[in-house]
């Protein structure tokens, strides 16, 4: 998810593909090109609520969301 680094310039970011944890699940079989991801990110967004922070991240990923089945987001405060 290089797009997050390019668009948001985070202080730190860790993206973990957790798709292997869902192998064999109905949706994973039906849509094998969609993944499950966990993003841990530190941005300079302390003035935003947690919901607003997540919206900023989802907006940055807009072009990729058709390839993401599930996204877990953990934001780190400054």
PDB file of N, CA and C in Angstrom:
ATOM      1  N   UNK A   1       0.820  -1.179   0.000  1.00  0.00           N
ATOM      2  CA  UNK A   1       0.000   0.000   0.000  1.00  0.00           C
ATOM      3  C   UNK A   1       0.867   1.247   0.000  1.00  0.00           C
ATOM      4  N   UNK A   2       1.698   1.300  -0.985  1.00  0.00           N
ATOM      5  CA  UNK A   2       2.582   2.443  -1.177  1.00  0.00           C
ATOM      6  C   UNK A   2       1.787   3.738  -1.263  1.00  0.00           C
ATOM      7  N   UNK A   3       0.564   3.637  -1.725  1.00  0.00           N
ATOM      8  CA  UNK A   3      -0.276   4.822  -1.886  1.00  0.00           C
ATOM      9  C   UNK A   3      -0.445   5.570  -0.561  1.00  0.00           C
ATOM     10  N   UNK A   4      -0.501   4.877   0.549  1.00  0.00           N
ATOM     11  CA  UNK A   4      -0.629   5.548   1.843  1.00  0.00           C
ATOM     12  C   UNK A   4       0.607   6.384   2.145  1.00  0.00           C
ATOM     13  N   UNK A   5       1.771   5.846   1.853  1.00  0.00           N
ATOM     14  CA  UNK A   5       3.013   6.577   2.073  1.00  0.00           C
ATOM     15  C   UNK A   5       3.092   7.781   1.146  1.00  0.00           C
ATOM     16  N   UNK A   6       2.712   7.591  -0.108  1.00  0.00           N
ATOM     17  CA  UNK A   6       2.778   8.681  -1.078  1.00  0.00           C
ATOM     18  C   UNK A   6       1.794   9.798  -0.754  1.00  0.00           C
ATOM     19  N   UNK A   7       0.586   9.454  -0.382  1.00  0.00           N
ATOM     20  CA  UNK A   7      -0.448  10.468  -0.186  1.00  0.00           C
ATOM     21  C   UNK A   7      -0.481  11.066   1.218  1.00  0.00           C
ATOM     22  N   UNK A   8      -0.077  10.297   2.221  1.00  0.00           N
ATOM     23  CA  UNK A   8      -0.242  10.764   3.594  1.00  0.00           C
ATOM     24  C   UNK A   8       1.064  11.079   4.316  1.00  0.00           C
ATOM     25  N   UNK A   9       2.192  10.645   3.781  1.00  0.00           N
ATOM     26  CA  UNK A   9       3.508  10.880   4.390  1.00  0.00           C
ATOM     27  C   UNK A   9       3.503  10.578   5.896  1.00  0.00           C
ATOM     28  N   UNK A  10       3.192   9.339   6.259  1.00  0.00           N
ATOM     29  CA  UNK A  10       3.123   8.995   7.684  1.00  0.00           C
ATOM     30  C   UNK A  10       4.499   8.997   8.341  1.00  0.00           C
ATOM     31  N   UNK A  11       4.505   9.230   9.646  1.00  0.00           N
ATOM     32  CA  UNK A  11       5.759   9.116  10.404  1.00  0.00           C
ATOM     33  C   UNK A  11       6.206   7.660  10.436  1.00  0.00           C
ATOM     34  N   UNK A  12       5.254   6.771  10.693  1.00  0.00           N
ATOM     35  CA  UNK A  12       5.516   5.332  10.637  1.00  0.00           C
ATOM     36  C   UNK A  12       4.303   4.653  10.022  1.00  0.00           C
ATOM     37  N   UNK A  13       4.566   3.519   9.389  1.00  0.00           N
ATOM     38  CA  UNK A  13       3.477   2.727   8.817  1.00  0.00           C
ATOM     39  C   UNK A  13       3.909   1.270   8.778  1.00  0.00           C
ATOM     40  N   UNK A  14       2.975   0.406   9.095  1.00  0.00           N
ATOM     41  CA  UNK A  14       3.195  -1.038   8.979  1.00  0.00           C
ATOM     42  C   UNK A  14       1.925  -1.635   8.383  1.00  0.00           C
ATOM     43  N   UNK A  15       2.090  -2.331   7.268  1.00  0.00           N
ATOM     44  CA  UNK A  15       0.957  -2.977   6.611  1.00  0.00           C
ATOM     45  C   UNK A  15       1.175  -4.480   6.678  1.00  0.00           C
ATOM     46  N   UNK A  16       0.199  -5.177   7.213  1.00  0.00           N
ATOM     47  CA  UNK A  16       0.281  -6.629   7.341  1.00  0.00           C
ATOM     48  C   UNK A  16      -0.835  -7.268   6.527  1.00  0.00           C
ATOM     49  N   UNK A  17      -0.452  -8.136   5.598  1.00  0.00           N
ATOM     50  CA  UNK A  17      -1.428  -8.887   4.818  1.00  0.00           C
ATOM     51  C   UNK A  17      -1.874 -10.075   5.671  1.00  0.00           C
ATOM     52  N   UNK A  18      -3.136 -10.071   6.056  1.00  0.00           N
ATOM     53  CA  UNK A  18      -3.677 -11.134   6.897  1.00  0.00           C
ATOM     54  C   UNK A  18      -4.592 -12.077   6.120  1.00  0.00           C
ATOM     55  N   UNK A  19      -4.477 -12.058   4.812  1.00  0.00           N
ATOM     56  CA  UNK A  19      -5.347 -12.882   3.968  1.00  0.00           C
ATOM     57  C   UNK A  19      -5.213 -14.367   4.284  1.00  0.00           C
ATOM     58  N   UNK A  20      -4.006 -14.795   4.638  1.00  0.00           N
ATOM     59  CA  UNK A  20      -3.789 -16.214   4.929  1.00  0.00           C
ATOM     60  C   UNK A  20      -4.626 -16.693   6.120  1.00  0.00           C
ATOM     61  N   UNK A  21      -5.025 -15.782   6.982  1.00  0.00           N
ATOM     62  CA  UNK A  21      -5.849 -16.154   8.134  1.00  0.00           C
ATOM     63  C   UNK A  21      -7.289 -16.460   7.739  1.00  0.00           C
ATOM     64  N   UNK A  22      -7.648 -16.125   6.510  1.00  0.00           N
ATOM     65  CA  UNK A  22      -9.026 -16.273   6.056  1.00  0.00           C
ATOM     66  C   UNK A  22      -9.160 -17.261   4.896  1.00  0.00           C
ATOM     67  N   UNK A  23      -8.096 -18.009   4.612  1.00  0.00           N
ATOM     68  CA  UNK A  23      -8.151 -19.003   3.540  1.00  0.00           C
ATOM     69  C   UNK A  23      -9.272 -19.994   3.818  1.00  0.00           C
ATOM     70  N   UNK A  24     -10.019 -20.312   2.797  1.00  0.00           N
ATOM     71  CA  UNK A  24     -11.107 -21.260   2.936  1.00  0.00           C
ATOM     72  C   UNK A  24     -12.432 -20.628   3.314  1.00  0.00           C
ATOM     73  N   UNK A  25     -12.417 -19.390   3.769  1.00  0.00           N
ATOM     74  CA  UNK A  25     -13.680 -18.705   4.075  1.00  0.00           C
ATOM     75  C   UNK A  25     -14.456 -18.482   2.781  1.00  0.00           C
ATOM     76  N   UNK A  26     -15.752 -18.476   2.880  1.00  0.00           N
ATOM     77  CA  UNK A  26     -16.619 -18.379   1.702  1.00  0.00           C
ATOM     78  C   UNK A  26     -16.240 -17.206   0.804  1.00  0.00           C
ATOM     79  N   UNK A  27     -16.112 -16.017   1.359  1.00  0.00           N
ATOM     80  CA  UNK A  27     -15.786 -14.836   0.551  1.00  0.00           C
ATOM     81  C   UNK A  27     -14.364 -14.900   0.008  1.00  0.00           C
ATOM     82  N   UNK A  28     -13.446 -15.477   0.760  1.00  0.00           N
ATOM     83  CA  UNK A  28     -12.064 -15.601   0.293  1.00  0.00           C
ATOM     84  C   UNK A  28     -11.986 -16.516  -0.920  1.00  0.00           C
ATOM     85  N   UNK A  29     -12.815 -17.542  -0.944  1.00  0.00           N
ATOM     86  CA  UNK A  29     -12.856 -18.457  -2.087  1.00  0.00           C
ATOM     87  C   UNK A  29     -13.562 -17.791  -3.261  1.00  0.00           C
ATOM     88  N   UNK A  30     -14.633 -17.089  -2.970  1.00  0.00           N
ATOM     89  CA  UNK A  30     -15.423 -16.442  -4.023  1.00  0.00           C
ATOM     90  C   UNK A  30     -14.681 -15.266  -4.656  1.00  0.00           C
ATOM     91  N   UNK A  31     -13.904 -14.554  -3.873  1.00  0.00           N
ATOM     92  CA  UNK A  31     -13.171 -13.375  -4.358  1.00  0.00           C
ATOM     93  C   UNK A  31     -11.698 -13.495  -3.958  1.00  0.00           C
ATOM     94  N   UNK A  32     -10.955 -14.365  -4.621  1.00  0.00           N
ATOM     95  CA  UNK A  32      -9.571 -14.619  -4.219  1.00  0.00           C
ATOM     96  C   UNK A  32      -8.629 -13.433  -4.423  1.00  0.00           C
ATOM     97  N   UNK A  33      -9.018 -12.451  -5.209  1.00  0.00           N
ATOM     98  CA  UNK A  33      -8.150 -11.301  -5.457  1.00  0.00           C
ATOM     99  C   UNK A  33      -8.357 -10.170  -4.456  1.00  0.00           C
ATOM    100  N   UNK A  34      -9.227 -10.376  -3.485  1.00  0.00           N
ATOM    101  CA  UNK A  34      -9.445  -9.368  -2.451  1.00  0.00           C
ATOM    102  C   UNK A  34      -8.770  -9.828  -1.169  1.00  0.00           C
ATOM    103  N   UNK A  35      -8.076  -8.911  -0.512  1.00  0.00           N
ATOM    104  CA  UNK A  35      -7.311  -9.297   0.661  1.00  0.00           C
ATOM    105  C   UNK A  35      -7.810  -8.703   1.961  1.00  0.00           C
ATOM    106  N   UNK A  36      -7.236  -9.217   3.032  1.00  0.00           N
ATOM    107  CA  UNK A  36      -7.479  -8.742   4.391  1.00  0.00           C
ATOM    108  C   UNK A  36      -6.179  -8.091   4.866  1.00  0.00           C
ATOM    109  N   UNK A  37      -6.253  -6.851   5.297  1.00  0.00           N
ATOM    110  CA  UNK A  37      -5.054  -6.120   5.675  1.00  0.00           C
ATOM    111  C   UNK A  37      -5.230  -5.430   7.019  1.00  0.00           C
ATOM    112  N   UNK A  38      -4.117  -5.326   7.742  1.00  0.00           N
ATOM    113  CA  UNK A  38      -4.070  -4.546   8.973  1.00  0.00           C
ATOM    114  C   UNK A  38      -3.046  -3.441   8.757  1.00  0.00           C
ATOM    115  N   UNK A  39      -3.458  -2.195   8.983  1.00  0.00           N
ATOM    116  CA  UNK A  39      -2.580  -1.043   8.823  1.00  0.00           C
ATOM    117  C   UNK A  39      -2.406  -0.379  10.182  1.00  0.00           C
ATOM    118  N   UNK A  40      -1.160  -0.230  10.591  1.00  0.00           N
ATOM    119  CA  UNK A  40      -0.825   0.545  11.778  1.00  0.00           C
ATOM    120  C   UNK A  40      -0.074   1.762  11.275  1.00  0.00           C
ATOM    121  N   UNK A  41      -0.579   2.950  11.589  1.00  0.00           N
ATOM    122  CA  UNK A  41      -0.051   4.157  10.971  1.00  0.00           C
ATOM    123  C   UNK A  41       0.000   5.302  11.977  1.00  0.00           C
ATOM    124  N   UNK A  42       1.055   6.098  11.867  1.00  0.00           N
ATOM    125  CA  UNK A  42       1.190   7.294  12.695  1.00  0.00           C
ATOM    126  C   UNK A  42       1.232   8.499  11.773  1.00  0.00           C
ATOM    127  N   UNK A  43       0.229   9.335  11.900  1.00  0.00           N
ATOM    128  CA  UNK A  43       0.112  10.537  11.084  1.00  0.00           C
ATOM    129  C   UNK A  43       0.011  11.754  11.993  1.00  0.00           C
ATOM    130  N   UNK A  44       0.271  12.899  11.436  1.00  0.00           N
ATOM    131  CA  UNK A  44       0.080  14.143  12.187  1.00  0.00           C
ATOM    132  C   UNK A  44      -1.376  14.562  12.048  1.00  0.00           C
ATOM    133  N   UNK A  45      -2.255  13.865  12.761  1.00  0.00           N
ATOM    134  CA  UNK A  45      -3.696  14.126  12.670  1.00  0.00           C
ATOM    135  C   UNK A  45      -4.325  14.170  14.053  1.00  0.00           C
ATOM    136  N   UNK A  46      -3.577  14.600  15.053  1.00  0.00           N
ATOM    137  CA  UNK A  46      -4.107  14.592  16.418  1.00  0.00           C
ATOM    138  C   UNK A  46      -5.337  15.469  16.581  1.00  0.00           C
ATOM    139  N   UNK A  47      -5.498  16.453  15.699  1.00  0.00           N
ATOM    140  CA  UNK A  47      -6.658  17.335  15.798  1.00  0.00           C
ATOM    141  C   UNK A  47      -7.918  16.683  15.236  1.00  0.00           C
ATOM    142  N   UNK A  48      -7.776  15.505  14.623  1.00  0.00           N
ATOM    143  CA  UNK A  48      -8.919  14.800  14.047  1.00  0.00           C
ATOM    144  C   UNK A  48      -9.389  13.693  14.982  1.00  0.00           C
ATOM    145  N   UNK A  49     -10.680  13.433  14.962  1.00  0.00           N
ATOM    146  CA  UNK A  49     -11.217  12.306  15.731  1.00  0.00           C
ATOM    147  C   UNK A  49     -10.758  11.000  15.083  1.00  0.00           C
ATOM    148  N   UNK A  50     -10.906   9.921  15.793  1.00  0.00           N
ATOM    149  CA  UNK A  50     -10.530   8.600  15.255  1.00  0.00           C
ATOM    150  C   UNK A  50     -11.305   8.322  13.963  1.00  0.00           C
ATOM    151  N   UNK A  51     -12.583   8.647  13.943  1.00  0.00           N
ATOM    152  CA  UNK A  51     -13.402   8.447  12.748  1.00  0.00           C
ATOM    153  C   UNK A  51     -12.878   9.282  11.584  1.00  0.00           C
ATOM    154  N   UNK A  52     -12.537  10.522  11.834  1.00  0.00           N
ATOM    155  CA  UNK A  52     -12.007  11.381  10.774  1.00  0.00           C
ATOM    156  C   UNK A  52     -10.666  10.856  10.261  1.00  0.00           C
ATOM    157  N   UNK A  53      -9.829  10.337  11.160  1.00  0.00           N
ATOM    158  CA  UNK A  53      -8.549   9.754  10.755  1.00  0.00           C
ATOM    159  C   UNK A  53      -8.778   8.577   9.814  1.00  0.00           C
ATOM    160  N   UNK A  54      -9.730   7.723  10.162  1.00  0.00           N
ATOM    161  CA  UNK A  54     -10.029   6.557   9.328  1.00  0.00           C
ATOM    162  C   UNK A  54     -10.565   6.997   7.963  1.00  0.00           C
ATOM    163  N   UNK A  55     -11.369   8.038   7.943  1.00  0.00           N
ATOM    164  CA  UNK A  55     -11.884   8.543   6.663  1.00  0.00           C
ATOM    165  C   UNK A  55     -10.759   9.038   5.771  1.00  0.00           C
ATOM    166  N   UNK A  56      -9.766   9.711   6.351  1.00  0.00           N
ATOM    167  CA  UNK A  56      -8.609  10.181   5.578  1.00  0.00           C
ATOM    168  C   UNK A  56      -7.893   8.984   4.950  1.00  0.00           C
ATOM    169  N   UNK A  57      -7.733   7.921   5.716  1.00  0.00           N
ATOM    170  CA  UNK A  57      -7.049   6.719   5.222  1.00  0.00           C
ATOM    171  C   UNK A  57      -7.877   6.038   4.136  1.00  0.00           C
ATOM    172  N   UNK A  58      -9.171   5.884   4.359  1.00  0.00           N
ATOM    173  CA  UNK A  58     -10.037   5.280   3.341  1.00  0.00           C
ATOM    174  C   UNK A  58     -10.057   6.115   2.062  1.00  0.00           C
ATOM    175  N   UNK A  59     -10.064   7.431   2.186  1.00  0.00           N
ATOM    176  CA  UNK A  59     -10.030   8.299   1.003  1.00  0.00           C
ATOM    177  C   UNK A  59      -8.741   8.087   0.215  1.00  0.00           C
ATOM    178  N   UNK A  60      -7.620   7.924   0.915  1.00  0.00           N
ATOM    179  CA  UNK A  60      -6.342   7.693   0.242  1.00  0.00           C
ATOM    180  C   UNK A  60      -6.334   6.352  -0.485  1.00  0.00           C
ATOM    181  N   UNK A  61      -7.078   5.384   0.030  1.00  0.00           N
ATOM    182  CA  UNK A  61      -7.124   4.039  -0.561  1.00  0.00           C
ATOM    183  C   UNK A  61      -8.267   3.854  -1.554  1.00  0.00           C
ATOM    184  N   UNK A  62      -8.986   4.904  -1.852  1.00  0.00           N
ATOM    185  CA  UNK A  62     -10.198   4.809  -2.669  1.00  0.00           C
ATOM    186  C   UNK A  62     -10.016   3.960  -3.925  1.00  0.00           C
ATOM    187  N   UNK A  63      -8.958   4.155  -4.661  1.00  0.00           N
ATOM    188  CA  UNK A  63      -8.738   3.401  -5.896  1.00  0.00           C
ATOM    189  C   UNK A  63      -8.399   1.938  -5.681  1.00  0.00           C
ATOM    190  N   UNK A  64      -8.077   1.568  -4.460  1.00  0.00           N
ATOM    191  CA  UNK A  64      -7.698   0.179  -4.153  1.00  0.00           C
ATOM    192  C   UNK A  64      -8.777  -0.598  -3.408  1.00  0.00           C
ATOM    193  N   UNK A  65      -9.803   0.077  -2.952  1.00  0.00           N
ATOM    194  CA  UNK A  65     -10.797  -0.580  -2.101  1.00  0.00           C
ATOM    195  C   UNK A  65     -11.522  -1.734  -2.790  1.00  0.00           C
ATOM    196  N   UNK A  66     -11.569  -1.737  -4.105  1.00  0.00           N
ATOM    197  CA  UNK A  66     -12.206  -2.865  -4.800  1.00  0.00           C
ATOM    198  C   UNK A  66     -11.361  -4.133  -4.692  1.00  0.00           C
ATOM    199  N   UNK A  67     -10.106  -4.011  -4.238  1.00  0.00           N
ATOM    200  CA  UNK A  67      -9.233  -5.173  -4.068  1.00  0.00           C
ATOM    201  C   UNK A  67      -9.014  -5.511  -2.589  1.00  0.00           C
ATOM    202  N   UNK A  68      -9.698  -4.781  -1.714  1.00  0.00           N
ATOM    203  CA  UNK A  68      -9.563  -5.009  -0.277  1.00  0.00           C
ATOM    204  C   UNK A  68     -10.905  -5.488   0.273  1.00  0.00           C
ATOM    205  N   UNK A  69     -10.905  -6.677   0.849  1.00  0.00           N
ATOM    206  CA  UNK A  69     -12.137  -7.211   1.439  1.00  0.00           C
ATOM    207  C   UNK A  69     -12.326  -6.679   2.861  1.00  0.00           C
ATOM    208  N   UNK A  70     -11.233  -6.645   3.619  1.00  0.00           N
ATOM    209  CA  UNK A  70     -11.310  -6.185   5.004  1.00  0.00           C
ATOM    210  C   UNK A  70     -10.070  -5.369   5.337  1.00  0.00           C
ATOM    211  N   UNK A  71     -10.281  -4.292   6.076  1.00  0.00           N
ATOM    212  CA  UNK A  71      -9.184  -3.410   6.458  1.00  0.00           C
ATOM    213  C   UNK A  71      -9.313  -3.068   7.938  1.00  0.00           C
ATOM    214  N   UNK A  72      -8.286  -3.412   8.691  1.00  0.00           N
ATOM    215  CA  UNK A  72      -8.209  -3.055  10.105  1.00  0.00           C
ATOM    216  C   UNK A  72      -7.216  -1.907  10.216  1.00  0.00           C
ATOM    217  N   UNK A  73      -7.617  -0.827  10.891  1.00  0.00           N
ATOM    218  CA  UNK A  73      -6.762   0.354  10.998  1.00  0.00           C
ATOM    219  C   UNK A  73      -6.484   0.641  12.466  1.00  0.00           C
ATOM    220  N   UNK A  74      -5.202   0.783  12.784  1.00  0.00           N
ATOM    221  CA  UNK A  74      -4.783   1.225  14.113  1.00  0.00           C
ATOM    222  C   UNK A  74      -3.973   2.496  13.917  1.00  0.00           C
ATOM    223  N   UNK A  75      -4.439   3.593  14.499  1.00  0.00           N
ATOM    224  CA  UNK A  75      -3.701   4.848  14.390  1.00  0.00           C
ATOM    225  C   UNK A  75      -2.939   5.085  15.686  1.00  0.00           C
ATOM    226  N   UNK A  76      -1.728   5.584  15.537  1.00  0.00           N
ATOM    227  CA  UNK A  76      -0.866   5.877  16.678  1.00  0.00           C
ATOM    228  C   UNK A  76      -0.845   7.384  16.862  1.00  0.00           C
ATOM    229  N   UNK A  77      -1.158   7.829  18.061  1.00  0.00           N
ATOM    230  CA  UNK A  77      -1.125   9.262  18.354  1.00  0.00           C
ATOM    231  C   UNK A  77       0.309   9.723  18.547  1.00  0.00           C
ATOM    232  N   UNK A  78       0.523  10.998  18.270  1.00  0.00           N
ATOM    233  CA  UNK A  78       1.863  11.587  18.480  1.00  0.00           C
ATOM    234  C   UNK A  78       2.197  11.646  19.948  1.00  0.00           C
TER     235      UNK A  78
END
